Protein backbone atom coordinates (compact mmCIF):
# COMPACT_ATOMS: atom_id res chain seq x y z
CA MET A 1 -0.12 0.04 -0.06
CA SER A 2 1.47 3.50 -1.11
CA LEU A 3 2.35 6.04 1.46
CA LEU A 4 -0.59 8.11 0.53
CA LYS A 5 -3.20 5.36 0.57
CA SER A 6 -1.98 4.02 4.00
CA ALA A 7 -2.06 7.72 5.34
CA SER A 8 -5.54 8.17 3.80
CA VAL A 9 -6.92 5.22 5.55
CA VAL A 10 -5.30 6.31 9.05
CA SER A 11 -6.46 9.76 8.39
CA ALA A 12 -9.92 8.84 7.50
CA LEU A 13 -10.32 6.93 10.53
CA THR A 14 -8.51 9.50 12.47
CA LEU A 15 -11.35 11.96 11.15
CA LEU A 16 -14.02 9.79 12.52
CA SER A 17 -11.97 9.71 15.87
CA ARG A 18 -11.76 13.68 15.85
CA ILE A 19 -15.37 14.05 14.69
CA THR A 20 -16.46 11.97 17.76
CA GLY A 21 -13.94 13.60 19.87
CA LEU A 22 -15.49 17.12 18.93
CA VAL A 23 -18.89 15.74 19.79
CA ARG A 24 -17.44 14.81 23.20
CA GLU A 25 -15.91 18.09 23.69
CA VAL A 26 -19.07 19.89 22.64
CA LEU A 27 -21.28 17.85 25.07
CA ILE A 28 -18.72 18.53 27.83
CA ALA A 29 -18.72 22.21 27.15
CA SER A 30 -22.41 22.58 26.97
CA THR A 31 -22.92 20.48 30.16
CA PHE A 32 -20.14 21.51 32.32
CA GLY A 33 -18.90 24.97 30.64
CA ALA A 34 -15.43 26.06 31.62
CA GLY A 35 -15.81 26.40 35.33
CA ALA A 36 -13.73 25.42 38.36
CA LEU A 37 -14.77 21.45 38.48
CA THR A 38 -14.10 21.36 34.58
CA ASP A 39 -10.60 22.57 35.19
CA ALA A 40 -10.26 19.86 37.85
CA PHE A 41 -11.26 16.97 35.45
CA ASN A 42 -8.96 18.56 32.81
CA VAL A 43 -6.09 18.54 35.11
CA ALA A 44 -6.81 15.16 36.41
CA PHE A 45 -7.31 13.75 32.97
CA ARG A 46 -3.91 15.28 31.75
CA ILE A 47 -1.86 13.25 34.34
CA PRO A 48 -2.56 9.92 32.78
CA ASN A 49 -2.52 11.41 29.57
CA LEU A 50 0.84 12.96 30.09
CA LEU A 51 2.27 9.59 31.20
CA ARG A 52 0.71 7.92 28.30
CA ARG A 53 2.47 10.35 25.86
CA LEU A 54 5.32 9.99 27.93
CA PHE A 55 6.05 6.29 28.18
CA ALA A 56 3.32 4.60 25.87
CA GLU A 57 2.79 6.62 22.77
CA GLY A 58 6.24 8.61 23.31
CA ALA A 59 9.37 6.89 24.41
CA PHE A 60 8.18 3.50 24.06
CA SER A 61 6.74 3.62 20.60
CA GLN A 62 9.80 5.58 19.37
CA ALA A 63 12.01 2.97 20.69
CA PHE A 64 9.96 -0.28 20.17
CA VAL A 65 8.62 0.17 16.52
CA PRO A 66 12.22 0.76 14.83
CA VAL A 67 13.73 -2.36 16.49
CA LEU A 68 10.53 -4.31 15.96
CA ALA A 69 10.65 -3.31 12.17
CA SER A 70 14.28 -3.86 11.84
CA THR A 71 14.00 -7.35 13.70
CA ARG A 72 11.31 -8.56 11.20
CA GLU A 73 13.08 -7.30 8.19
CA THR A 74 16.35 -9.08 9.04
CA ASP A 75 15.46 -11.99 11.30
CA GLY A 76 11.94 -12.94 10.45
CA ASP A 77 8.60 -13.46 12.27
CA GLU A 78 9.86 -16.11 14.75
CA ALA A 79 12.44 -13.84 16.16
CA THR A 80 10.04 -10.94 16.12
CA ALA A 81 7.47 -12.97 18.16
CA ARG A 82 10.16 -13.72 20.76
CA LEU A 83 10.96 -9.92 21.05
CA ILE A 84 7.21 -9.04 21.42
CA ASN A 85 6.93 -11.56 24.29
CA HIS A 86 9.90 -10.36 26.20
CA ILE A 87 8.90 -6.62 25.85
CA ALA A 88 5.40 -7.37 26.82
CA THR A 89 6.48 -9.01 30.06
CA ILE A 90 8.70 -6.12 31.16
CA LEU A 91 6.09 -3.69 30.19
CA LEU A 92 3.32 -5.21 32.22
CA LEU A 93 5.57 -5.61 35.31
CA ALA A 94 6.42 -1.82 35.03
CA LEU A 95 2.64 -0.92 34.49
CA LEU A 96 1.45 -2.72 37.59
CA LEU A 97 4.12 -0.91 39.65
CA THR A 98 3.23 2.40 38.17
CA CYS A 99 -0.48 2.39 38.70
CA VAL A 100 0.07 1.45 42.38
CA VAL A 101 2.62 4.51 42.78
CA GLY A 102 0.26 6.81 40.94
CA VAL A 103 -2.63 6.21 42.94
CA VAL A 104 -0.84 6.59 46.15
CA ALA A 105 0.91 9.73 44.89
CA ALA A 106 -2.18 11.36 43.37
CA PRO A 107 -2.13 14.50 45.60
CA GLY A 108 1.54 15.30 44.76
CA LEU A 109 0.99 14.68 41.17
CA VAL A 110 -1.85 17.08 41.00
CA TRP A 111 0.12 19.73 42.92
CA LEU A 112 3.00 19.46 40.55
CA MET A 113 0.55 19.58 37.53
CA ALA A 114 -1.74 22.73 38.83
CA SER A 115 -0.97 23.96 42.31
CA GLY A 116 -3.21 26.78 41.34
CA LEU A 117 -6.36 24.57 41.94
CA GLN A 118 -5.67 25.02 45.68
CA ASP A 119 -6.77 28.73 45.40
CA SER A 120 -10.38 27.58 44.55
CA GLY A 121 -12.36 25.54 47.28
CA GLY A 122 -12.96 21.90 46.12
CA ARG A 123 -10.95 22.10 42.87
CA PHE A 124 -7.88 20.38 44.19
CA ASP A 125 -9.57 17.54 45.99
CA ALA A 126 -11.96 16.95 43.15
CA ALA A 127 -8.81 16.51 40.85
CA VAL A 128 -7.12 14.32 43.29
CA PHE A 129 -10.13 11.99 43.48
CA MET A 130 -10.55 11.80 39.75
CA THR A 131 -6.84 11.24 39.10
CA ARG A 132 -6.81 8.13 41.37
CA TRP A 133 -9.95 6.77 39.59
CA MET A 134 -8.48 7.36 36.14
CA PHE A 135 -4.84 6.44 36.86
CA PRO A 136 -4.94 2.86 35.60
CA TYR A 137 -5.95 4.20 32.15
CA ILE A 138 -2.20 4.66 31.73
CA ALA A 139 -1.95 0.87 31.93
CA PHE A 140 -4.49 0.36 29.18
CA MET A 141 -3.15 2.80 26.78
CA SER A 142 0.43 1.50 27.23
CA LEU A 143 -0.55 -2.01 26.34
CA VAL A 144 -2.79 -0.48 23.36
CA ALA A 145 0.53 1.26 22.18
CA LEU A 146 2.37 -2.04 22.24
CA SER A 147 -0.43 -3.48 20.08
CA ALA A 148 -0.63 -0.62 17.94
CA GLY A 149 3.23 -0.85 17.30
CA ILE A 150 3.05 -4.63 16.22
CA LEU A 151 -0.13 -3.84 14.01
CA ASN A 152 1.36 -0.89 12.46
CA THR A 153 4.68 -2.81 11.55
CA TRP A 154 2.54 -5.58 9.86
CA ARG A 155 0.83 -2.68 8.07
CA ARG A 156 -2.54 -3.09 9.83
CA PHE A 157 -3.55 0.27 10.20
CA VAL A 158 -7.31 0.24 10.72
CA VAL A 159 -7.58 -1.04 14.21
CA PRO A 160 -4.94 1.38 15.83
CA ALA A 161 -6.39 4.15 13.90
CA ALA A 162 -9.85 3.41 14.85
CA THR A 163 -9.25 2.71 18.56
CA PRO A 164 -9.56 6.25 19.94
CA VAL A 165 -13.23 6.40 18.79
CA LEU A 166 -14.10 4.07 21.53
CA LEU A 167 -12.73 6.33 24.28
CA ASN A 168 -14.73 9.23 22.71
CA VAL A 169 -17.98 7.18 22.65
CA ALA A 170 -17.46 6.13 26.19
CA MET A 171 -17.20 9.51 27.38
CA ILE A 172 -20.06 10.88 25.29
CA VAL A 173 -22.23 8.12 26.98
CA ALA A 174 -20.95 9.31 30.45
CA ALA A 175 -21.61 12.91 29.89
CA TRP A 176 -24.98 12.42 28.17
CA LEU A 177 -26.49 9.66 30.43
CA GLY A 178 -23.95 9.21 33.27
CA ALA A 179 -23.87 12.88 34.52
CA PRO A 180 -27.64 12.94 35.06
CA TRP A 181 -27.49 9.55 36.60
CA PHE A 182 -24.63 10.66 38.98
CA GLU A 183 -26.44 13.82 39.91
CA SER A 184 -29.69 11.86 40.89
CA MET A 185 -27.59 9.92 43.18
CA GLY A 186 -26.14 12.74 44.89
CA ILE A 187 -22.72 12.30 43.25
CA GLU A 188 -20.96 15.35 41.51
CA PRO A 189 -21.91 14.93 37.88
CA VAL A 190 -18.31 15.80 36.58
CA TYR A 191 -17.13 12.32 38.11
CA SER A 192 -19.02 10.50 35.48
CA LEU A 193 -16.33 11.61 32.91
CA ALA A 194 -13.73 9.89 35.04
CA ALA A 195 -15.83 6.66 34.71
CA GLY A 196 -15.98 7.23 30.97
CA VAL A 197 -12.36 7.52 30.60
CA MET A 198 -11.77 4.20 32.36
CA ALA A 199 -14.60 2.41 30.27
CA GLY A 200 -13.19 3.81 27.20
CA GLY A 201 -9.56 2.70 28.07
CA LEU A 202 -10.72 -0.87 28.72
CA LEU A 203 -12.75 -1.16 25.38
CA GLN A 204 -9.63 0.31 23.51
CA LEU A 205 -7.46 -2.47 24.91
CA LEU A 206 -10.22 -5.26 24.24
CA ILE A 207 -10.53 -4.35 20.51
CA GLN A 208 -6.65 -5.08 19.96
CA VAL A 209 -6.91 -8.75 20.83
CA PRO A 210 -8.67 -10.14 17.74
CA ALA A 211 -6.53 -8.06 15.33
CA LEU A 212 -3.32 -9.31 17.13
CA ALA A 213 -4.78 -13.13 16.94
CA ARG A 214 -5.26 -12.73 13.17
CA ILE A 215 -1.59 -12.07 12.45
CA GLY A 216 -0.63 -14.59 15.13
CA MET A 217 1.28 -11.95 17.26
CA MET A 218 -0.59 -11.95 20.34
CA PRO A 219 1.77 -11.15 23.24
CA ARG A 220 2.25 -13.67 25.87
CA PHE A 221 2.78 -12.05 29.46
CA ARG A 222 4.96 -14.38 31.69
CA LEU A 223 5.54 -12.74 35.31
CA GLY A 224 7.43 -15.69 36.92
CA PRO A 225 10.88 -14.65 38.29
CA SER A 226 12.81 -16.85 35.81
CA GLN A 227 10.65 -15.45 32.73
CA ILE A 228 11.23 -11.78 34.11
CA ARG A 229 14.94 -12.38 34.07
CA ALA A 230 15.07 -13.95 30.78
CA ALA A 231 12.93 -11.02 29.45
CA TRP A 232 15.26 -8.51 31.08
CA SER A 233 18.37 -10.20 29.76
CA TYR A 234 17.16 -10.55 26.10
CA PRO A 235 19.26 -8.40 23.73
CA GLY A 236 16.14 -7.04 21.99
CA THR A 237 14.77 -5.91 25.22
CA ARG A 238 18.12 -4.29 26.18
CA ARG A 239 18.22 -2.57 22.90
CA VAL A 240 14.57 -1.17 23.36
CA LEU A 241 15.37 0.05 26.78
CA SER A 242 18.81 1.75 25.64
CA LEU A 243 16.91 3.59 23.00
CA MET A 244 13.91 4.44 25.48
CA ALA A 245 16.30 6.27 27.82
CA PRO A 246 17.07 9.28 25.29
CA ALA A 247 13.67 8.96 23.86
CA LEU A 248 12.08 9.46 27.42
CA LEU A 249 14.24 12.49 27.88
CA GLY A 250 12.96 13.83 24.41
CA VAL A 251 9.49 13.30 25.11
CA SER A 252 9.81 14.44 28.65
CA VAL A 253 10.88 17.85 27.29
CA ALA A 254 7.69 18.24 25.55
CA GLN A 255 5.57 17.02 28.54
CA ILE A 256 7.45 19.17 30.88
CA SER A 257 6.49 22.02 28.79
CA LEU A 258 2.77 20.92 28.94
CA LEU A 259 3.06 20.61 32.65
CA ILE A 260 4.49 24.16 33.03
CA ASN A 261 1.66 25.62 30.87
CA THR A 262 -0.80 23.95 32.80
CA GLN A 263 0.69 25.00 36.11
CA ILE A 264 0.92 28.71 34.77
CA ALA A 265 -2.80 28.42 33.43
CA SER A 266 -4.00 27.32 36.79
CA HIS A 267 -2.96 30.56 38.28
CA LEU A 268 -4.54 32.59 35.52
CA GLY A 269 -8.00 32.28 36.84
CA ALA A 270 -10.81 29.88 36.57
CA GLY A 271 -11.53 28.62 32.99
CA SER A 272 -7.91 29.16 31.66
CA VAL A 273 -7.13 25.55 31.68
CA SER A 274 -10.25 24.71 30.24
CA TRP A 275 -9.93 27.33 27.38
CA LEU A 276 -6.59 26.09 26.32
CA THR A 277 -7.83 22.32 26.41
CA TYR A 278 -10.85 23.30 24.30
CA ALA A 279 -8.60 25.02 21.86
CA ASP A 280 -6.05 22.18 21.94
CA ARG A 281 -8.74 19.58 21.21
CA LEU A 282 -9.78 21.65 18.08
CA MET A 283 -6.21 22.16 16.95
CA GLU A 284 -5.68 18.42 17.02
CA PHE A 285 -8.02 17.95 14.14
CA PRO A 286 -5.44 18.87 11.59
CA THR A 287 -2.32 17.68 13.45
CA ALA A 288 -3.90 14.09 14.14
CA MET A 289 -5.28 13.82 10.63
CA LEU A 290 -2.24 14.90 8.89
CA GLY A 291 0.86 14.68 11.35
CA VAL A 292 -0.07 11.60 13.38
CA ALA A 293 -1.59 9.79 10.30
CA LEU A 294 1.74 10.36 8.32
CA GLY A 295 3.76 9.60 11.26
CA VAL A 296 2.03 6.22 12.09
CA VAL A 297 2.61 5.17 8.39
CA LEU A 298 6.08 6.54 7.92
CA LEU A 299 8.11 5.12 10.96
CA PRO A 300 7.62 1.50 10.28
CA GLN A 301 8.41 2.12 6.54
CA LEU A 302 11.40 4.42 7.21
CA ALA A 303 12.74 1.71 9.74
CA ALA A 304 12.29 -1.00 7.04
CA ALA A 305 14.10 1.17 4.52
CA GLN A 306 17.12 1.96 6.76
CA ALA A 307 17.33 -1.74 7.80
CA ALA A 308 17.46 -2.56 4.01
CA LYS A 309 19.96 0.28 3.50
CA ASP A 310 17.73 1.71 0.88
CA ASP A 311 18.74 5.38 1.10
CA GLU A 312 16.80 6.45 -2.11
CA ARG A 313 13.51 5.07 -0.81
CA TYR A 314 14.14 6.43 2.59
CA SER A 315 14.60 10.01 1.13
CA ARG A 316 11.54 9.59 -1.05
CA LEU A 317 9.43 8.67 1.82
CA LEU A 318 10.37 11.80 3.72
CA ASP A 319 10.00 14.10 0.54
CA ASN A 320 6.59 12.75 -0.09
CA GLY A 321 5.48 13.21 3.58
CA LEU A 322 6.77 16.77 3.83
CA ARG A 323 4.94 17.60 0.56
CA LEU A 324 1.76 16.40 1.98
CA VAL A 325 2.34 18.53 5.15
CA VAL A 326 2.74 21.81 3.11
CA LEU A 327 -0.13 20.90 0.71
CA LEU A 328 -2.74 20.37 3.70
CA ALA A 329 -1.31 22.08 6.67
CA VAL A 330 -0.77 25.46 5.31
CA PRO A 331 -4.46 26.15 4.50
CA CYS A 332 -5.43 24.75 8.01
CA ALA A 333 -3.07 27.09 9.61
CA VAL A 334 -4.54 30.11 7.76
CA ALA A 335 -8.19 28.81 8.73
CA LEU A 336 -7.19 28.78 12.50
CA LEU A 337 -5.86 32.17 12.35
CA LEU A 338 -8.58 33.83 10.21
CA PHE A 339 -11.51 31.79 11.16
CA ALA A 340 -11.06 30.82 14.77
CA GLN A 341 -14.17 32.52 16.18
CA PRO A 342 -16.66 30.91 13.90
CA LEU A 343 -14.98 27.53 14.46
CA VAL A 344 -15.19 27.88 18.31
CA SER A 345 -18.67 29.42 18.00
CA VAL A 346 -20.14 26.49 16.12
CA LEU A 347 -18.52 23.72 18.03
CA TYR A 348 -18.69 25.03 21.62
CA HIS A 349 -20.97 27.89 21.81
CA TYR A 350 -24.14 25.84 23.61
CA GLY A 351 -25.37 25.54 27.10
CA ALA A 352 -22.90 26.44 29.95
CA PHE A 353 -20.37 27.71 27.30
CA THR A 354 -20.67 31.49 27.18
CA HIS A 355 -19.81 34.41 24.69
CA HIS A 356 -16.74 34.98 26.88
CA ASP A 357 -15.53 31.61 26.74
CA VAL A 358 -15.71 31.77 22.97
CA GLY A 359 -13.48 34.76 22.77
CA GLN A 360 -10.90 33.20 25.10
CA THR A 361 -10.81 29.83 23.33
CA ALA A 362 -10.56 31.55 19.98
CA THR A 363 -7.49 33.54 21.19
CA ALA A 364 -5.82 30.32 22.19
CA LEU A 365 -6.62 28.57 18.94
CA MET A 366 -5.15 31.52 16.93
CA GLY A 367 -1.72 31.14 18.96
CA TYR A 368 -1.67 27.41 18.25
CA GLY A 369 -2.46 28.24 14.51
CA VAL A 370 0.75 30.14 14.18
CA GLY A 371 2.71 27.02 14.63
CA LEU A 372 0.39 24.33 13.11
CA VAL A 373 2.74 23.66 10.02
CA GLY A 374 5.43 22.99 12.55
CA LEU A 375 3.58 20.77 14.83
CA VAL A 376 2.37 18.81 12.03
CA ALA A 377 5.91 18.62 10.33
CA ILE A 378 7.55 17.24 13.56
CA LYS A 379 5.42 14.18 13.33
CA VAL A 380 7.07 13.49 9.82
CA LEU A 381 10.55 14.85 10.61
CA ALA A 382 11.05 13.25 13.95
CA PRO A 383 10.59 9.57 12.53
CA GLY A 384 13.18 10.47 10.13
CA PHE A 385 15.63 10.28 13.16
CA TYR A 386 13.89 7.47 15.06
CA ALA A 387 13.89 5.12 12.14
CA ARG A 388 17.84 5.56 12.05
CA GLN A 389 17.68 4.68 15.92
CA ASP A 390 19.18 8.24 16.46
CA ILE A 391 16.87 9.75 19.40
CA ARG A 392 19.53 11.89 20.91
CA THR A 393 19.63 14.56 18.17
CA PRO A 394 15.67 15.25 18.37
CA VAL A 395 16.23 15.16 22.39
CA LYS A 396 18.91 17.83 22.19
CA ILE A 397 16.90 20.00 19.80
CA ALA A 398 13.79 19.60 22.22
CA ILE A 399 15.79 20.66 25.25
CA VAL A 400 16.78 23.84 23.58
CA VAL A 401 13.27 24.49 22.27
CA LEU A 402 11.92 23.96 25.83
CA VAL A 403 13.92 26.70 27.29
CA LEU A 404 13.02 28.90 24.21
CA THR A 405 9.23 28.31 24.99
CA GLN A 406 9.55 29.41 28.71
CA VAL A 407 11.58 32.49 27.47
CA MET A 408 8.49 33.29 25.19
CA ASN A 409 6.20 32.44 28.09
CA LEU A 410 7.88 35.20 30.00
CA ILE A 411 7.33 37.70 27.28
CA PHE A 412 3.72 36.78 26.11
CA VAL A 413 1.76 35.58 29.18
CA PRO A 414 1.84 39.09 30.84
CA TYR A 415 0.27 40.55 28.02
CA LEU A 416 -1.92 37.55 26.37
CA ALA A 417 -2.57 35.44 29.51
CA HIS A 418 -3.53 32.05 28.35
CA ALA A 419 -3.26 32.85 24.86
CA GLY A 420 0.32 33.58 25.31
CA LEU A 421 1.11 29.96 26.31
CA ALA A 422 -0.54 28.69 23.11
CA LEU A 423 1.47 31.12 21.05
CA ALA A 424 4.71 30.24 22.50
CA ILE A 425 3.85 26.64 21.87
CA GLY A 426 3.29 27.69 18.24
CA LEU A 427 6.31 29.53 17.73
CA ALA A 428 8.56 26.85 19.38
CA ALA A 429 7.11 24.10 17.07
CA MET A 430 8.16 25.99 13.97
CA VAL A 431 11.55 26.23 15.42
CA ASN A 432 11.81 22.66 16.33
CA ALA A 433 10.55 21.37 12.80
CA SER A 434 13.13 23.69 11.18
CA TRP A 435 15.91 22.38 13.08
CA LEU A 436 14.98 18.63 12.49
CA LEU A 437 14.67 19.37 8.72
CA VAL A 438 18.28 20.96 8.48
CA GLY A 439 19.54 18.11 10.61
CA LEU A 440 18.23 15.40 8.06
CA ILE A 441 19.48 17.28 5.10
CA ARG A 442 22.91 17.98 6.85
CA ARG A 443 23.32 14.07 7.51
CA GLY A 444 22.26 13.36 3.99
CA ALA A 445 19.49 11.29 5.06
CA TYR A 446 17.06 13.53 3.23
CA GLN A 447 17.73 15.10 -0.18
CA PRO A 448 14.77 17.32 -1.40
CA ARG A 449 13.58 16.51 -4.88
CA PRO A 450 13.49 19.23 -7.50
CA GLY A 451 10.33 21.46 -7.70
CA TRP A 452 9.97 22.52 -4.27
CA LEU A 453 10.29 26.29 -4.79
CA ARG A 454 7.42 26.35 -7.28
CA PHE A 455 5.23 23.98 -5.14
CA ILE A 456 5.69 26.44 -2.17
CA VAL A 457 4.89 29.47 -4.30
CA GLN A 458 1.61 27.45 -5.65
CA VAL A 459 0.52 26.72 -2.03
CA VAL A 460 1.18 30.16 -0.64
CA VAL A 461 -0.86 31.72 -3.33
CA ALA A 462 -3.66 29.41 -3.12
CA SER A 463 -3.70 29.99 0.69
CA VAL A 464 -3.82 33.69 0.35
CA VAL A 465 -6.93 33.21 -2.07
CA LEU A 466 -8.44 30.99 0.65
CA GLY A 467 -7.64 33.51 3.40
CA VAL A 468 -9.46 36.26 1.68
CA LEU A 469 -12.63 34.31 1.34
CA LEU A 470 -12.36 33.12 5.07
CA TYR A 471 -11.68 36.79 6.28
CA TRP A 472 -14.84 38.08 4.30
CA VAL A 473 -17.27 35.45 5.63
CA ASN A 474 -15.97 35.92 9.23
CA ASP A 475 -16.72 39.54 8.85
CA ARG A 476 -19.99 39.13 7.23
CA LEU A 477 -21.62 37.11 9.94
CA ASP A 478 -22.32 37.57 13.77
CA TRP A 479 -21.24 33.93 14.73
CA VAL A 480 -21.84 34.42 18.45
CA GLY A 481 -25.22 36.15 17.79
CA LEU A 482 -26.24 33.14 15.69
CA ARG A 483 -26.27 30.97 18.86
CA VAL A 484 -30.28 31.62 18.70
CA SER A 485 -30.32 29.72 15.17
CA PRO A 486 -27.92 26.84 15.78
CA VAL A 487 -28.85 24.94 12.57
CA MET A 488 -28.32 27.92 10.44
CA ARG A 489 -24.87 28.58 12.03
CA VAL A 490 -23.94 25.02 11.37
CA ALA A 491 -25.08 25.30 7.69
CA TYR A 492 -23.11 28.57 7.22
CA LEU A 493 -19.92 26.96 8.71
CA ALA A 494 -20.23 23.58 6.59
CA SER A 495 -20.98 25.52 3.34
CA THR A 496 -17.80 27.88 4.01
CA VAL A 497 -15.61 25.01 4.73
CA VAL A 498 -16.82 23.11 1.46
CA GLY A 499 -16.38 26.26 -0.55
CA SER A 500 -13.05 27.13 1.01
CA ALA A 501 -11.60 23.69 0.27
CA ALA A 502 -13.06 23.77 -3.38
CA LEU A 503 -11.57 27.30 -3.81
CA TYR A 504 -8.18 26.18 -2.62
CA PHE A 505 -7.67 23.25 -4.72
CA LEU A 506 -9.25 24.98 -7.80
CA SER A 507 -6.61 27.82 -7.18
CA LEU A 508 -3.70 25.21 -6.92
CA ALA A 509 -5.11 23.80 -10.31
CA GLY A 510 -5.20 27.18 -11.86
CA LEU A 511 -1.46 27.87 -10.75
CA GLY A 512 -0.53 24.48 -12.62
CA LEU A 513 -0.25 22.06 -9.80
CA ASN A 514 -1.21 18.64 -11.35
CA LEU A 515 -3.18 17.07 -8.20
CA ARG A 516 -3.42 13.73 -9.93
CA GLN A 517 0.42 13.46 -10.61
CA PHE A 518 0.94 14.71 -7.13
CA VAL A 519 -1.12 11.86 -5.71
CA ARG A 520 0.43 9.28 -7.90
CA GLN A 521 4.03 10.58 -6.64
């Protein structure tokens, strides 16, 4: 399956995930608004999510997938199955210990994440309670990451890409049906969201089992002392662990940045954490559909090309991925910058979500939009290093970028409050992506193919045309006032999105970009 076809499959399923995710966020926003207890839930949910990104989808995946793909390419399926079993044993043991420690240490973790919650009565205790209930979610998602790495290496992209839908569905049911039920029993309704997270995590894990069984790679967990010693001493396990150390540092940098931002936001007043969270969820639409989809597909293929010493294929994969990033991320960035208020109004402005919340969320979304191209490009460029089992270089870059982000926070936050945090992340992502790109070119791992300058000019001109349309539509309609006519507001947004996409691609065609040839390449 070609890069574009594979990425399209993942992207389509990711779109479904993001649509259900938006339904989830809209329901949460309209039911709970952006108040103190919503902040408490968002902080509590960020703690297992931070660890999931740190260990499961972060350091573990970055270290495990290249070794897995290389082992399969050079040693065959039997050796690969042995590697999977040993890694699964060590992973499960680590997860059991982590969950026990996390539940006990929940108050300290909440304080480290958002000590500002103590300034408002009840927020801190609610966050601690929900953190303890949701902490085992990290175990479910780490095992899901193990399964996803295996399935993606076998180019079975459907189940891993569709899996997040189950979490969204579980949380939708929790907010829609669970919250009223909890309230009728005298329990704080927002606690239903914690129950939804746990149910969603379990469902995501269970759906992996049939897919792994079909390819004959179901992990076998052996927790006897002799099996643990054998798994620990296995060369493949040691290789993954040695790669995890720098990968963990690299991912930690990004998560430390998130932790600092959440800490700062918790001191900026009630609602700040939630405004950033809602903007982040909306921004994840393009980053997941483009960046995550391409990264998921590219990493095992780049690792296989590296193992086969096929430098030309390696460079071509990166070039194709970057062209797709530019083609699709640039117009999305224009939309986030010029059309933020309509997007936030249509998606969130219902029930307890106020006019003020719309404005605050929209400014944060614009801050993220500044760096959207960088945020997406990193998902393509970083696998270029991981596939070569070079994790140290992205780590060094990430550390410098972390320092730069905090310097920008000092400059922006006093003037822009929570939106300054988003802007700092966006600008830092552009620096990070540029640095990764230069590093790959200097190492000779990536050689851009001819035609880039013409291609960039075509995309920029078409995006300017798109921006003019979006600016005009934004100026002509009172998107906040249209709350009284929600159906009409949704219809306006849908027609604008469809019309904008058509205008963008027609402009590209008029400028001489052959889209069919582009797709074939």
